[in-house]
PDB file of N, CA and C in Angstrom:
ATOM      1  N   MET A   1      35.563 106.709 126.894  1.00  0.00           N
ATOM      2  CA  MET A   1      35.822 106.595 125.484  1.00  0.00           C
ATOM      3  C   MET A   1      35.868 107.968 124.818  1.00  0.00           C
ATOM      4  N   ALA A   2      34.923 108.836 125.183  1.00  0.00           N
ATOM      5  CA  ALA A   2      34.862 110.143 124.520  1.00  0.00           C
ATOM      6  C   ALA A   2      36.129 110.957 124.768  1.00  0.00           C
ATOM      7  N   ASP A   3      36.725 110.811 125.926  1.00  0.00           N
ATOM      8  CA  ASP A   3      37.944 111.547 126.252  1.00  0.00           C
ATOM      9  C   ASP A   3      39.204 110.745 125.975  1.00  0.00           C
ATOM     10  N   GLU A   4      39.051 109.614 125.303  1.00  0.00           N
ATOM     11  CA  GLU A   4      40.146 108.708 124.970  1.00  0.00           C
ATOM     12  C   GLU A   4      40.876 108.178 126.194  1.00  0.00           C
ATOM     13  N   ALA A   5      40.189 108.129 127.336  1.00  0.00           N
ATOM     14  CA  ALA A   5      40.752 107.490 128.521  1.00  0.00           C
ATOM     15  C   ALA A   5      40.693 105.972 128.349  1.00  0.00           C
ATOM     16  N   LEU A   6      39.687 105.514 127.608  1.00  0.00           N
ATOM     17  CA  LEU A   6      39.575 104.102 127.229  1.00  0.00           C
ATOM     18  C   LEU A   6      39.680 104.029 125.716  1.00  0.00           C
ATOM     19  N   VAL A   7      40.495 103.148 125.216  1.00  0.00           N
ATOM     20  CA  VAL A   7      40.608 102.955 123.771  1.00  0.00           C
ATOM     21  C   VAL A   7      40.446 101.477 123.464  1.00  0.00           C
ATOM     22  N   GLU A   8      40.137 101.203 122.213  1.00  0.00           N
ATOM     23  CA  GLU A   8      39.951  99.827 121.759  1.00  0.00           C
ATOM     24  C   GLU A   8      38.905  99.084 122.583  1.00  0.00           C
ATOM     25  N   VAL A   9      37.747  99.732 122.726  1.00  0.00           N
ATOM     26  CA  VAL A   9      36.618  99.161 123.457  1.00  0.00           C
ATOM     27  C   VAL A   9      35.684  98.492 122.459  1.00  0.00           C
ATOM     28  N   PHE A  10      35.128  97.361 122.829  1.00  0.00           N
ATOM     29  CA  PHE A  10      34.080  96.774 122.021  1.00  0.00           C
ATOM     30  C   PHE A  10      33.001  96.205 122.924  1.00  0.00           C
ATOM     31  N   VAL A  11      31.795  96.143 122.373  1.00  0.00           N
ATOM     32  CA  VAL A  11      30.633  95.621 123.081  1.00  0.00           C
ATOM     33  C   VAL A  11      30.199  94.369 122.348  1.00  0.00           C
ATOM     34  N   THR A  12      29.883  93.316 123.086  1.00  0.00           N
ATOM     35  CA  THR A  12      29.526  92.046 122.449  1.00  0.00           C
ATOM     36  C   THR A  12      28.464  91.317 123.248  1.00  0.00           C
ATOM     37  N   ASP A  13      27.827  90.360 122.621  1.00  0.00           N
ATOM     38  CA  ASP A  13      26.946  89.469 123.361  1.00  0.00           C
ATOM     39  C   ASP A  13      27.812  88.434 124.081  1.00  0.00           C
ATOM     40  N   THR A  14      27.228  87.672 124.959  1.00  0.00           N
ATOM     41  CA  THR A  14      28.019  86.748 125.777  1.00  0.00           C
ATOM     42  C   THR A  14      28.670  85.630 124.983  1.00  0.00           C
ATOM     43  N   GLU A  15      28.179  85.363 123.792  1.00  0.00           N
ATOM     44  CA  GLU A  15      28.741  84.279 122.974  1.00  0.00           C
ATOM     45  C   GLU A  15      29.684  84.786 121.875  1.00  0.00           C
ATOM     46  N   LEU A  16      29.908  86.092 121.851  1.00  0.00           N
ATOM     47  CA  LEU A  16      30.760  86.733 120.837  1.00  0.00           C
ATOM     48  C   LEU A  16      30.243  86.525 119.414  1.00  0.00           C
ATOM     49  N   HIS A  17      28.929  86.462 119.257  1.00  0.00           N
ATOM     50  CA  HIS A  17      28.340  86.331 117.920  1.00  0.00           C
ATOM     51  C   HIS A  17      28.129  87.691 117.257  1.00  0.00           C
ATOM     52  N   ARG A  18      28.000  88.709 118.087  1.00  0.00           N
ATOM     53  CA  ARG A  18      27.789  90.064 117.583  1.00  0.00           C
ATOM     54  C   ARG A  18      28.750  90.993 118.313  1.00  0.00           C
ATOM     55  N   ILE A  19      29.455  91.816 117.549  1.00  0.00           N
ATOM     56  CA  ILE A  19      30.448  92.716 118.139  1.00  0.00           C
ATOM     57  C   ILE A  19      30.237  94.117 117.574  1.00  0.00           C
ATOM     58  N   HIS A  20      30.250  95.094 118.458  1.00  0.00           N
ATOM     59  CA  HIS A  20      30.185  96.507 118.059  1.00  0.00           C
ATOM     60  C   HIS A  20      31.446  97.169 118.587  1.00  0.00           C
ATOM     61  N   SER A  21      32.232  97.739 117.683  1.00  0.00           N
ATOM     62  CA  SER A  21      33.501  98.353 118.061  1.00  0.00           C
ATOM     63  C   SER A  21      33.532  99.800 117.570  1.00  0.00           C
ATOM     64  N   PRO A  22      33.154 100.744 118.437  1.00  0.00           N
ATOM     65  CA  PRO A  22      33.138 102.152 118.020  1.00  0.00           C
ATOM     66  C   PRO A  22      34.550 102.745 117.971  1.00  0.00           C
ATOM     67  N   TYR A  23      34.727 103.704 117.100  1.00  0.00           N
ATOM     68  CA  TYR A  23      35.979 104.453 117.010  1.00  0.00           C
ATOM     69  C   TYR A  23      35.657 105.848 116.517  1.00  0.00           C
ATOM     70  N   ASP A  24      36.600 106.739 116.618  1.00  0.00           N
ATOM     71  CA  ASP A  24      36.400 108.118 116.194  1.00  0.00           C
ATOM     72  C   ASP A  24      35.999 108.142 114.729  1.00  0.00           C
ATOM     73  N   GLY A  25      34.805 108.579 114.454  1.00  0.00           N
ATOM     74  CA  GLY A  25      34.331 108.685 113.076  1.00  0.00           C
ATOM     75  C   GLY A  25      33.524 107.504 112.589  1.00  0.00           C
ATOM     76  N   GLY A  26      33.247 106.523 113.428  1.00  0.00           N
ATOM     77  CA  GLY A  26      32.451 105.395 112.968  1.00  0.00           C
ATOM     78  C   GLY A  26      32.465 104.234 113.922  1.00  0.00           C
ATOM     79  N   ALA A  27      32.188 103.067 113.368  1.00  0.00           N
ATOM     80  CA  ALA A  27      32.169 101.844 114.173  1.00  0.00           C
ATOM     81  C   ALA A  27      32.266 100.645 113.243  1.00  0.00           C
ATOM     82  N   ASP A  28      32.806  99.568 113.769  1.00  0.00           N
ATOM     83  CA  ASP A  28      32.773  98.288 113.078  1.00  0.00           C
ATOM     84  C   ASP A  28      31.717  97.441 113.767  1.00  0.00           C
ATOM     85  N   VAL A  29      30.928  96.730 112.970  1.00  0.00           N
ATOM     86  CA  VAL A  29      29.909  95.840 113.509  1.00  0.00           C
ATOM     87  C   VAL A  29      30.101  94.473 112.871  1.00  0.00           C
ATOM     88  N   VAL A  30      30.225  93.456 113.696  1.00  0.00           N
ATOM     89  CA  VAL A  30      30.357  92.075 113.227  1.00  0.00           C
ATOM     90  C   VAL A  30      29.125  91.343 113.713  1.00  0.00           C
ATOM     91  N   LEU A  31      28.415  90.705 112.783  1.00  0.00           N
ATOM     92  CA  LEU A  31      27.171  90.025 113.119  1.00  0.00           C
ATOM     93  C   LEU A  31      27.273  88.532 112.841  1.00  0.00           C
ATOM     94  N   ALA A  32      26.316  87.782 113.370  1.00  0.00           N
ATOM     95  CA  ALA A  32      26.362  86.320 113.329  1.00  0.00           C
ATOM     96  C   ALA A  32      26.130  85.746 111.932  1.00  0.00           C
ATOM     97  N   THR A  33      25.296  86.404 111.135  1.00  0.00           N
ATOM     98  CA  THR A  33      24.976  85.849 109.814  1.00  0.00           C
ATOM     99  C   THR A  33      24.986  86.957 108.759  1.00  0.00           C
ATOM    100  N   THR A  34      25.092  86.562 107.519  1.00  0.00           N
ATOM    101  CA  THR A  34      25.026  87.556 106.438  1.00  0.00           C
ATOM    102  C   THR A  34      23.626  88.154 106.348  1.00  0.00           C
ATOM    103  N   GLY A  35      22.607  87.382 106.662  1.00  0.00           N
ATOM    104  CA  GLY A  35      21.237  87.903 106.660  1.00  0.00           C
ATOM    105  C   GLY A  35      21.057  89.005 107.687  1.00  0.00           C
ATOM    106  N   GLU A  36      21.597  88.787 108.872  1.00  0.00           N
ATOM    107  CA  GLU A  36      21.536  89.801 109.918  1.00  0.00           C
ATOM    108  C   GLU A  36      22.302  91.055 109.482  1.00  0.00           C
ATOM    109  N   ARG A  37      23.450  90.850 108.885  1.00  0.00           N
ATOM    110  CA  ARG A  37      24.241  91.968 108.362  1.00  0.00           C
ATOM    111  C   ARG A  37      23.457  92.766 107.323  1.00  0.00           C
ATOM    112  N   ASP A  38      22.826  92.063 106.397  1.00  0.00           N
ATOM    113  CA  ASP A  38      22.081  92.732 105.329  1.00  0.00           C
ATOM    114  C   ASP A  38      20.891  93.515 105.874  1.00  0.00           C
ATOM    115  N   ARG A  39      20.191  92.969 106.870  1.00  0.00           N
ATOM    116  CA  ARG A  39      19.064  93.683 107.474  1.00  0.00           C
ATOM    117  C   ARG A  39      19.536  94.953 108.169  1.00  0.00           C
ATOM    118  N   LEU A  40      20.646  94.887 108.881  1.00  0.00           N
ATOM    119  CA  LEU A  40      21.188  96.067 109.547  1.00  0.00           C
ATOM    120  C   LEU A  40      21.623  97.105 108.513  1.00  0.00           C
ATOM    121  N   ARG A  41      22.294  96.654 107.481  1.00  0.00           N
ATOM    122  CA  ARG A  41      22.734  97.562 106.409  1.00  0.00           C
ATOM    123  C   ARG A  41      21.540  98.255 105.766  1.00  0.00           C
ATOM    124  N   ASP A  42      20.488  97.495 105.487  1.00  0.00           N
ATOM    125  CA  ASP A  42      19.310  98.065 104.828  1.00  0.00           C
ATOM    126  C   ASP A  42      18.575  99.064 105.723  1.00  0.00           C
ATOM    127  N   ARG A  43      18.607  98.848 107.037  1.00  0.00           N
ATOM    128  CA  ARG A  43      17.958  99.775 107.976  1.00  0.00           C
ATOM    129  C   ARG A  43      18.757 101.066 108.134  1.00  0.00           C
ATOM    130  N   HIS A  44      20.055 101.015 107.876  1.00  0.00           N
ATOM    131  CA  HIS A  44      20.907 102.180 108.133  1.00  0.00           C
ATOM    132  C   HIS A  44      21.743 102.553 106.907  1.00  0.00           C
ATOM    133  N   VAL A  45      21.157 102.475 105.754  1.00  0.00           N
ATOM    134  CA  VAL A  45      21.881 102.737 104.514  1.00  0.00           C
ATOM    135  C   VAL A  45      22.466 104.153 104.491  1.00  0.00           C
ATOM    136  N   ASP A  46      21.819 105.111 105.154  1.00  0.00           N
ATOM    137  CA  ASP A  46      22.326 106.477 105.152  1.00  0.00           C
ATOM    138  C   ASP A  46      23.584 106.632 106.008  1.00  0.00           C
ATOM    139  N   TRP A  47      23.939 105.624 106.776  1.00  0.00           N
ATOM    140  CA  TRP A  47      25.156 105.657 107.587  1.00  0.00           C
ATOM    141  C   TRP A  47      26.377 105.161 106.810  1.00  0.00           C
ATOM    142  N   LEU A  48      26.157 104.531 105.672  1.00  0.00           N
ATOM    143  CA  LEU A  48      27.266 103.942 104.919  1.00  0.00           C
ATOM    144  C   LEU A  48      28.067 105.005 104.182  1.00  0.00           C
ATOM    145  N   SER A  49      29.285 104.678 103.915  1.00  0.00           N
ATOM    146  CA  SER A  49      30.163 105.538 103.130  1.00  0.00           C
ATOM    147  C   SER A  49      29.616 105.660 101.711  1.00  0.00           C
ATOM    148  N   GLY A  50      29.987 106.734 101.064  1.00  0.00           N
ATOM    149  CA  GLY A  50      29.614 106.918  99.668  1.00  0.00           C
ATOM    150  C   GLY A  50      30.474 106.102  98.701  1.00  0.00           C
ATOM    151  N   GLN A  51      31.488 105.413  99.210  1.00  0.00           N
ATOM    152  CA  GLN A  51      32.366 104.595  98.367  1.00  0.00           C
ATOM    153  C   GLN A  51      31.565 103.416  97.808  1.00  0.00           C
ATOM    154  N   PRO A  52      31.879 102.945  96.617  1.00  0.00           N
ATOM    155  CA  PRO A  52      31.158 101.806  96.027  1.00  0.00           C
ATOM    156  C   PRO A  52      31.137 100.566  96.930  1.00  0.00           C
ATOM    157  N   SER A  53      32.167 100.360  97.714  1.00  0.00           N
ATOM    158  CA  SER A  53      32.223  99.194  98.588  1.00  0.00           C
ATOM    159  C   SER A  53      31.338  99.371  99.826  1.00  0.00           C
ATOM    160  N   GLY A  54      30.943 100.600 100.118  1.00  0.00           N
ATOM    161  CA  GLY A  54      30.187 100.889 101.320  1.00  0.00           C
ATOM    162  C   GLY A  54      31.056 101.024 102.555  1.00  0.00           C
ATOM    163  N   LEU A  55      32.359 100.897 102.381  1.00  0.00           N
ATOM    164  CA  LEU A  55      33.272 100.981 103.525  1.00  0.00           C
ATOM    165  C   LEU A  55      33.782 102.392 103.738  1.00  0.00           C
TER     166      LEU A  55
END
């Protein structure tokens, strides 16, 4: 991935309830519930964009 030999890689649990998709400059994370999403966001607030949407 670091050398771009592999692209469009994602890591998931076996049931596809949680997905982590890294890319140059960040990552997309899809979680099973909004509560789980909110807990992750609150633990890593310093990782969020400065944009009002947090994206």
